[in-house]
Amino acid sequence: MGAFADVNELPPQQIWDGLLARTVHGDRMTLTVIELEPGTDVPEHRHENEQMGILLDGSLTFRIGGETKTFGRGGTWTIVAQVPHSVTAGPEGAVLVEVFSPVRDDWQARDRLSPRPGRWP
């Protein structure tokens, strides 16, 4: 991939049931636009990557370590490496942007679906 891309042209990847990601990988970080279907539960997990994000649309309930918070558009989160976390999308689903460092090598090998328009605002 070159220096520029249109998110609408990025083929989505199904990372979890109910979660599609459109991802750009750099040398040291991964940027992704994520769409969660209403009520999608991403079970507790942890990884080596630091993770930061912002909610663009919908609502989420995040559990990070021992903290839980439900928030809407504009909410942000920071997850340091190896901290257990889980998330549940609200009744209208959610659209968010996340950054991971280092690169999510485990996502690079996942199958890509046909490009299609997303639902971000």
N, C-alpha and C. Protein backbone atom coordinates (compact mmCIF):
# COMPACT_ATOMS: atom_id res chain seq x y z
N MET A 1 0.84 -1.17 0.00
CA MET A 1 0.00 0.00 0.00
C MET A 1 0.89 1.23 0.00
N GLY A 2 0.47 2.25 -0.73
CA GLY A 2 1.20 3.50 -0.80
C GLY A 2 0.96 4.34 0.44
N ALA A 3 1.29 5.62 0.32
CA ALA A 3 1.17 6.53 1.45
C ALA A 3 -0.27 6.95 1.73
N PHE A 4 -1.19 6.76 0.75
CA PHE A 4 -2.57 7.22 0.92
C PHE A 4 -3.55 6.09 0.66
N ALA A 5 -4.70 6.15 1.34
CA ALA A 5 -5.77 5.19 1.11
C ALA A 5 -7.09 5.84 1.49
N ASP A 6 -8.17 5.41 0.86
CA ASP A 6 -9.51 5.83 1.22
C ASP A 6 -10.12 4.69 2.04
N VAL A 7 -10.63 4.99 3.21
CA VAL A 7 -11.15 3.94 4.09
C VAL A 7 -12.25 3.13 3.40
N ASN A 8 -13.01 3.76 2.49
CA ASN A 8 -14.05 3.03 1.76
C ASN A 8 -13.48 1.98 0.81
N GLU A 9 -12.23 2.12 0.44
CA GLU A 9 -11.61 1.17 -0.47
C GLU A 9 -10.82 0.09 0.26
N LEU A 10 -10.70 0.20 1.58
CA LEU A 10 -10.00 -0.82 2.35
C LEU A 10 -10.92 -2.02 2.55
N PRO A 11 -10.50 -3.20 2.15
CA PRO A 11 -11.36 -4.37 2.36
C PRO A 11 -11.45 -4.69 3.85
N PRO A 12 -12.66 -4.85 4.38
CA PRO A 12 -12.80 -5.13 5.80
C PRO A 12 -12.34 -6.54 6.15
N GLN A 13 -11.99 -6.70 7.42
CA GLN A 13 -11.63 -8.01 7.97
C GLN A 13 -12.55 -8.28 9.15
N GLN A 14 -13.03 -9.51 9.24
CA GLN A 14 -13.83 -9.88 10.41
C GLN A 14 -12.86 -10.36 11.48
N ILE A 15 -12.74 -9.55 12.54
CA ILE A 15 -11.81 -9.86 13.62
C ILE A 15 -12.49 -10.71 14.68
N TRP A 16 -13.72 -10.37 15.05
CA TRP A 16 -14.57 -11.13 15.96
C TRP A 16 -15.94 -11.22 15.31
N ASP A 17 -16.80 -12.09 15.79
CA ASP A 17 -18.18 -12.09 15.32
C ASP A 17 -18.79 -10.72 15.61
N GLY A 18 -19.38 -10.09 14.59
CA GLY A 18 -20.00 -8.79 14.77
C GLY A 18 -19.06 -7.61 14.73
N LEU A 19 -17.78 -7.84 14.43
CA LEU A 19 -16.78 -6.77 14.41
C LEU A 19 -16.03 -6.79 13.09
N LEU A 20 -16.16 -5.71 12.31
CA LEU A 20 -15.40 -5.55 11.08
C LEU A 20 -14.37 -4.45 11.27
N ALA A 21 -13.17 -4.66 10.75
CA ALA A 21 -12.09 -3.69 10.86
C ALA A 21 -11.53 -3.37 9.48
N ARG A 22 -11.28 -2.10 9.25
CA ARG A 22 -10.61 -1.63 8.02
C ARG A 22 -9.29 -1.03 8.50
N THR A 23 -8.19 -1.67 8.12
CA THR A 23 -6.92 -1.45 8.80
C THR A 23 -5.82 -0.98 7.86
N VAL A 24 -5.01 -0.07 8.38
CA VAL A 24 -3.79 0.39 7.72
C VAL A 24 -2.64 0.07 8.66
N HIS A 25 -1.62 -0.61 8.13
CA HIS A 25 -0.45 -0.97 8.94
C HIS A 25 0.75 -0.13 8.53
N GLY A 26 1.43 0.45 9.51
CA GLY A 26 2.70 1.11 9.28
C GLY A 26 3.82 0.19 9.74
N ASP A 27 5.00 0.75 9.89
CA ASP A 27 6.12 -0.04 10.39
C ASP A 27 6.02 -0.32 11.88
N ARG A 28 5.40 0.62 12.65
CA ARG A 28 5.39 0.50 14.10
C ARG A 28 4.02 0.60 14.73
N MET A 29 2.99 0.87 13.91
CA MET A 29 1.65 0.98 14.48
C MET A 29 0.60 0.55 13.47
N THR A 30 -0.58 0.27 13.99
CA THR A 30 -1.74 -0.09 13.19
C THR A 30 -2.86 0.89 13.51
N LEU A 31 -3.51 1.39 12.47
CA LEU A 31 -4.67 2.27 12.59
C LEU A 31 -5.86 1.52 12.00
N THR A 32 -6.98 1.52 12.71
CA THR A 32 -8.14 0.78 12.21
C THR A 32 -9.44 1.50 12.51
N VAL A 33 -10.36 1.42 11.55
CA VAL A 33 -11.74 1.87 11.75
C VAL A 33 -12.55 0.60 11.99
N ILE A 34 -13.26 0.56 13.11
CA ILE A 34 -13.99 -0.64 13.52
C ILE A 34 -15.48 -0.36 13.54
N GLU A 35 -16.24 -1.30 13.02
CA GLU A 35 -17.70 -1.26 13.07
C GLU A 35 -18.17 -2.45 13.90
N LEU A 36 -18.92 -2.17 14.96
CA LEU A 36 -19.49 -3.22 15.80
C LEU A 36 -21.00 -3.26 15.59
N GLU A 37 -21.52 -4.44 15.34
CA GLU A 37 -22.97 -4.60 15.23
C GLU A 37 -23.61 -4.42 16.60
N PRO A 38 -24.89 -4.04 16.65
CA PRO A 38 -25.57 -3.85 17.93
C PRO A 38 -25.42 -5.07 18.85
N GLY A 39 -25.07 -4.80 20.11
CA GLY A 39 -24.97 -5.85 21.12
C GLY A 39 -23.77 -6.77 21.01
N THR A 40 -22.85 -6.51 20.09
CA THR A 40 -21.68 -7.38 19.94
C THR A 40 -20.84 -7.37 21.21
N ASP A 41 -20.48 -8.56 21.66
CA ASP A 41 -19.59 -8.73 22.81
C ASP A 41 -18.22 -9.19 22.33
N VAL A 42 -17.20 -8.43 22.66
CA VAL A 42 -15.83 -8.88 22.43
C VAL A 42 -15.34 -9.38 23.77
N PRO A 43 -15.08 -10.69 23.88
CA PRO A 43 -14.74 -11.26 25.19
C PRO A 43 -13.41 -10.74 25.72
N GLU A 44 -13.24 -10.90 27.03
CA GLU A 44 -12.00 -10.45 27.66
C GLU A 44 -10.81 -11.11 26.98
N HIS A 45 -9.82 -10.28 26.70
CA HIS A 45 -8.58 -10.75 26.10
C HIS A 45 -7.48 -9.76 26.47
N ARG A 46 -6.28 -10.07 26.11
CA ARG A 46 -5.14 -9.19 26.33
C ARG A 46 -4.13 -9.44 25.23
N HIS A 47 -3.27 -8.47 25.00
CA HIS A 47 -2.25 -8.60 23.96
C HIS A 47 -1.09 -7.66 24.27
N GLU A 48 -0.01 -7.87 23.55
CA GLU A 48 1.21 -7.10 23.74
C GLU A 48 1.06 -5.65 23.28
N ASN A 49 0.11 -5.39 22.40
CA ASN A 49 -0.05 -4.07 21.80
C ASN A 49 -0.69 -3.09 22.77
N GLU A 50 -0.15 -1.87 22.83
CA GLU A 50 -0.88 -0.77 23.46
C GLU A 50 -2.02 -0.41 22.53
N GLN A 51 -3.12 0.09 23.08
CA GLN A 51 -4.32 0.34 22.28
C GLN A 51 -4.97 1.63 22.79
N MET A 52 -5.28 2.52 21.84
CA MET A 52 -5.98 3.76 22.16
C MET A 52 -7.09 3.95 21.14
N GLY A 53 -8.20 4.55 21.57
CA GLY A 53 -9.28 4.73 20.62
C GLY A 53 -10.21 5.86 20.97
N ILE A 54 -11.10 6.17 19.99
CA ILE A 54 -12.14 7.16 20.16
C ILE A 54 -13.41 6.65 19.49
N LEU A 55 -14.53 6.83 20.17
CA LEU A 55 -15.82 6.40 19.66
C LEU A 55 -16.41 7.50 18.78
N LEU A 56 -16.70 7.17 17.52
CA LEU A 56 -17.26 8.14 16.58
C LEU A 56 -18.78 8.13 16.56
N ASP A 57 -19.38 6.97 16.79
CA ASP A 57 -20.84 6.86 16.72
C ASP A 57 -21.30 5.66 17.54
N GLY A 58 -22.49 5.75 18.12
CA GLY A 58 -23.05 4.66 18.91
C GLY A 58 -22.64 4.75 20.36
N SER A 59 -22.61 3.59 21.02
CA SER A 59 -22.21 3.53 22.43
C SER A 59 -21.47 2.23 22.70
N LEU A 60 -20.66 2.25 23.75
CA LEU A 60 -19.85 1.10 24.16
C LEU A 60 -19.86 0.99 25.67
N THR A 61 -19.73 -0.23 26.17
CA THR A 61 -19.39 -0.48 27.56
C THR A 61 -18.06 -1.20 27.55
N PHE A 62 -17.04 -0.55 28.08
CA PHE A 62 -15.68 -1.08 28.11
C PHE A 62 -15.34 -1.53 29.52
N ARG A 63 -14.66 -2.62 29.63
CA ARG A 63 -14.05 -3.03 30.89
C ARG A 63 -12.56 -3.15 30.61
N ILE A 64 -11.77 -2.37 31.34
CA ILE A 64 -10.32 -2.36 31.18
C ILE A 64 -9.73 -2.55 32.56
N GLY A 65 -9.04 -3.67 32.75
CA GLY A 65 -8.54 -3.99 34.08
C GLY A 65 -9.72 -4.06 35.02
N GLY A 66 -9.72 -3.30 36.09
CA GLY A 66 -10.81 -3.29 37.05
C GLY A 66 -11.82 -2.17 36.85
N GLU A 67 -11.69 -1.40 35.76
CA GLU A 67 -12.60 -0.27 35.50
C GLU A 67 -13.62 -0.62 34.43
N THR A 68 -14.86 -0.16 34.61
CA THR A 68 -15.91 -0.32 33.61
C THR A 68 -16.55 1.04 33.36
N LYS A 69 -16.79 1.34 32.09
CA LYS A 69 -17.41 2.62 31.74
C LYS A 69 -18.26 2.44 30.49
N THR A 70 -19.47 3.04 30.53
CA THR A 70 -20.33 3.11 29.35
C THR A 70 -20.29 4.54 28.85
N PHE A 71 -20.09 4.73 27.55
CA PHE A 71 -20.01 6.07 27.01
C PHE A 71 -20.49 6.11 25.57
N GLY A 72 -20.73 7.33 25.09
CA GLY A 72 -21.17 7.57 23.73
C GLY A 72 -20.09 8.29 22.94
N ARG A 73 -20.53 8.87 21.84
CA ARG A 73 -19.65 9.56 20.90
C ARG A 73 -18.68 10.48 21.63
N GLY A 74 -17.42 10.38 21.24
CA GLY A 74 -16.38 11.23 21.83
C GLY A 74 -15.64 10.58 22.98
N GLY A 75 -16.13 9.44 23.48
CA GLY A 75 -15.41 8.73 24.55
C GLY A 75 -14.09 8.19 24.03
N THR A 76 -13.08 8.19 24.89
CA THR A 76 -11.77 7.66 24.53
C THR A 76 -11.32 6.64 25.55
N TRP A 77 -10.33 5.82 25.19
CA TRP A 77 -9.79 4.82 26.09
C TRP A 77 -8.32 4.59 25.77
N THR A 78 -7.61 4.14 26.79
CA THR A 78 -6.20 3.78 26.67
C THR A 78 -6.02 2.45 27.38
N ILE A 79 -5.40 1.50 26.69
CA ILE A 79 -5.15 0.18 27.26
C ILE A 79 -3.67 -0.11 27.09
N VAL A 80 -2.95 -0.27 28.18
CA VAL A 80 -1.53 -0.60 28.09
C VAL A 80 -1.38 -2.09 27.83
N ALA A 81 -0.19 -2.48 27.42
CA ALA A 81 0.08 -3.88 27.05
C ALA A 81 -0.28 -4.83 28.18
N GLN A 82 -0.89 -5.94 27.81
CA GLN A 82 -1.21 -7.08 28.67
C GLN A 82 -2.30 -6.83 29.71
N VAL A 83 -3.00 -5.71 29.64
CA VAL A 83 -4.11 -5.47 30.56
C VAL A 83 -5.36 -6.13 29.98
N PRO A 84 -6.05 -6.97 30.74
CA PRO A 84 -7.26 -7.61 30.23
C PRO A 84 -8.36 -6.58 29.98
N HIS A 85 -9.08 -6.78 28.87
CA HIS A 85 -10.15 -5.86 28.51
C HIS A 85 -11.21 -6.57 27.68
N SER A 86 -12.42 -6.01 27.73
CA SER A 86 -13.54 -6.52 26.94
C SER A 86 -14.42 -5.33 26.60
N VAL A 87 -15.31 -5.50 25.61
CA VAL A 87 -16.19 -4.41 25.21
C VAL A 87 -17.50 -4.98 24.69
N THR A 88 -18.59 -4.23 24.92
CA THR A 88 -19.90 -4.58 24.40
C THR A 88 -20.46 -3.35 23.70
N ALA A 89 -20.92 -3.55 22.46
CA ALA A 89 -21.55 -2.46 21.72
C ALA A 89 -22.96 -2.24 22.23
N GLY A 90 -23.40 -0.98 22.19
CA GLY A 90 -24.75 -0.64 22.61
C GLY A 90 -25.79 -1.09 21.60
N PRO A 91 -27.06 -0.76 21.85
CA PRO A 91 -28.16 -1.24 21.01
C PRO A 91 -28.14 -0.72 19.59
N GLU A 92 -27.42 0.37 19.33
CA GLU A 92 -27.33 0.91 17.98
C GLU A 92 -26.01 0.54 17.30
N GLY A 93 -25.18 -0.26 17.98
CA GLY A 93 -23.87 -0.61 17.45
C GLY A 93 -22.88 0.50 17.75
N ALA A 94 -21.73 0.46 17.09
CA ALA A 94 -20.70 1.46 17.33
C ALA A 94 -19.74 1.54 16.15
N VAL A 95 -19.19 2.72 15.96
CA VAL A 95 -18.12 2.95 15.00
C VAL A 95 -17.01 3.66 15.75
N LEU A 96 -15.79 3.16 15.64
CA LEU A 96 -14.68 3.70 16.40
C LEU A 96 -13.39 3.64 15.62
N VAL A 97 -12.42 4.40 16.05
CA VAL A 97 -11.08 4.38 15.49
C VAL A 97 -10.13 3.98 16.60
N GLU A 98 -9.23 3.04 16.28
CA GLU A 98 -8.23 2.61 17.26
C GLU A 98 -6.85 2.60 16.64
N VAL A 99 -5.86 2.81 17.50
CA VAL A 99 -4.45 2.74 17.13
C VAL A 99 -3.80 1.72 18.04
N PHE A 100 -2.97 0.86 17.45
CA PHE A 100 -2.24 -0.16 18.19
C PHE A 100 -0.74 0.01 17.93
N SER A 101 0.06 -0.20 18.97
CA SER A 101 1.50 -0.21 18.82
C SER A 101 2.07 -1.28 19.74
N PRO A 102 2.93 -2.15 19.25
CA PRO A 102 3.40 -2.26 17.87
C PRO A 102 2.29 -2.76 16.93
N VAL A 103 2.64 -2.94 15.67
CA VAL A 103 1.72 -3.39 14.63
C VAL A 103 1.00 -4.66 15.05
N ARG A 104 -0.29 -4.75 14.69
CA ARG A 104 -1.09 -5.97 14.94
C ARG A 104 -0.75 -7.01 13.87
N ASP A 105 0.40 -7.67 14.03
CA ASP A 105 0.82 -8.70 13.08
C ASP A 105 -0.23 -9.80 12.95
N ASP A 106 -0.93 -10.10 14.05
CA ASP A 106 -1.93 -11.17 14.02
C ASP A 106 -3.10 -10.81 13.11
N TRP A 107 -3.35 -9.54 12.86
CA TRP A 107 -4.45 -9.14 11.97
C TRP A 107 -4.03 -9.17 10.50
N GLN A 108 -2.73 -9.02 10.22
CA GLN A 108 -2.28 -8.96 8.83
C GLN A 108 -2.58 -10.25 8.06
N ALA A 109 -2.62 -11.37 8.74
CA ALA A 109 -2.84 -12.66 8.07
C ALA A 109 -4.33 -12.99 7.90
N ARG A 110 -5.22 -12.23 8.49
CA ARG A 110 -6.66 -12.53 8.40
C ARG A 110 -7.18 -12.26 7.00
N ASP A 111 -8.19 -13.06 6.61
CA ASP A 111 -8.83 -12.88 5.31
C ASP A 111 -9.47 -11.51 5.21
N ARG A 112 -9.47 -10.98 4.02
CA ARG A 112 -10.12 -9.69 3.74
C ARG A 112 -11.38 -9.95 2.91
N LEU A 113 -12.44 -9.26 3.28
CA LEU A 113 -13.71 -9.36 2.57
C LEU A 113 -13.71 -8.38 1.40
N SER A 114 -14.72 -8.45 0.56
CA SER A 114 -14.83 -7.50 -0.55
C SER A 114 -15.08 -6.10 0.00
N PRO A 115 -14.43 -5.08 -0.60
CA PRO A 115 -14.68 -3.71 -0.14
C PRO A 115 -16.17 -3.37 -0.27
N ARG A 116 -16.66 -2.62 0.69
CA ARG A 116 -18.05 -2.14 0.70
C ARG A 116 -18.12 -0.92 1.59
N PRO A 117 -19.12 -0.08 1.35
CA PRO A 117 -19.22 1.13 2.16
C PRO A 117 -19.38 0.80 3.65
N GLY A 118 -18.79 1.63 4.49
CA GLY A 118 -18.93 1.47 5.94
C GLY A 118 -20.06 2.33 6.45
N ARG A 119 -20.24 2.32 7.76
CA ARG A 119 -21.32 3.12 8.36
C ARG A 119 -20.81 4.24 9.25
N TRP A 120 -19.56 4.65 9.06
CA TRP A 120 -19.05 5.74 9.89
C TRP A 120 -19.70 7.05 9.48
N PRO A 121 -19.73 7.98 10.42
CA PRO A 121 -20.39 9.28 10.16
C PRO A 121 -19.62 10.13 9.16
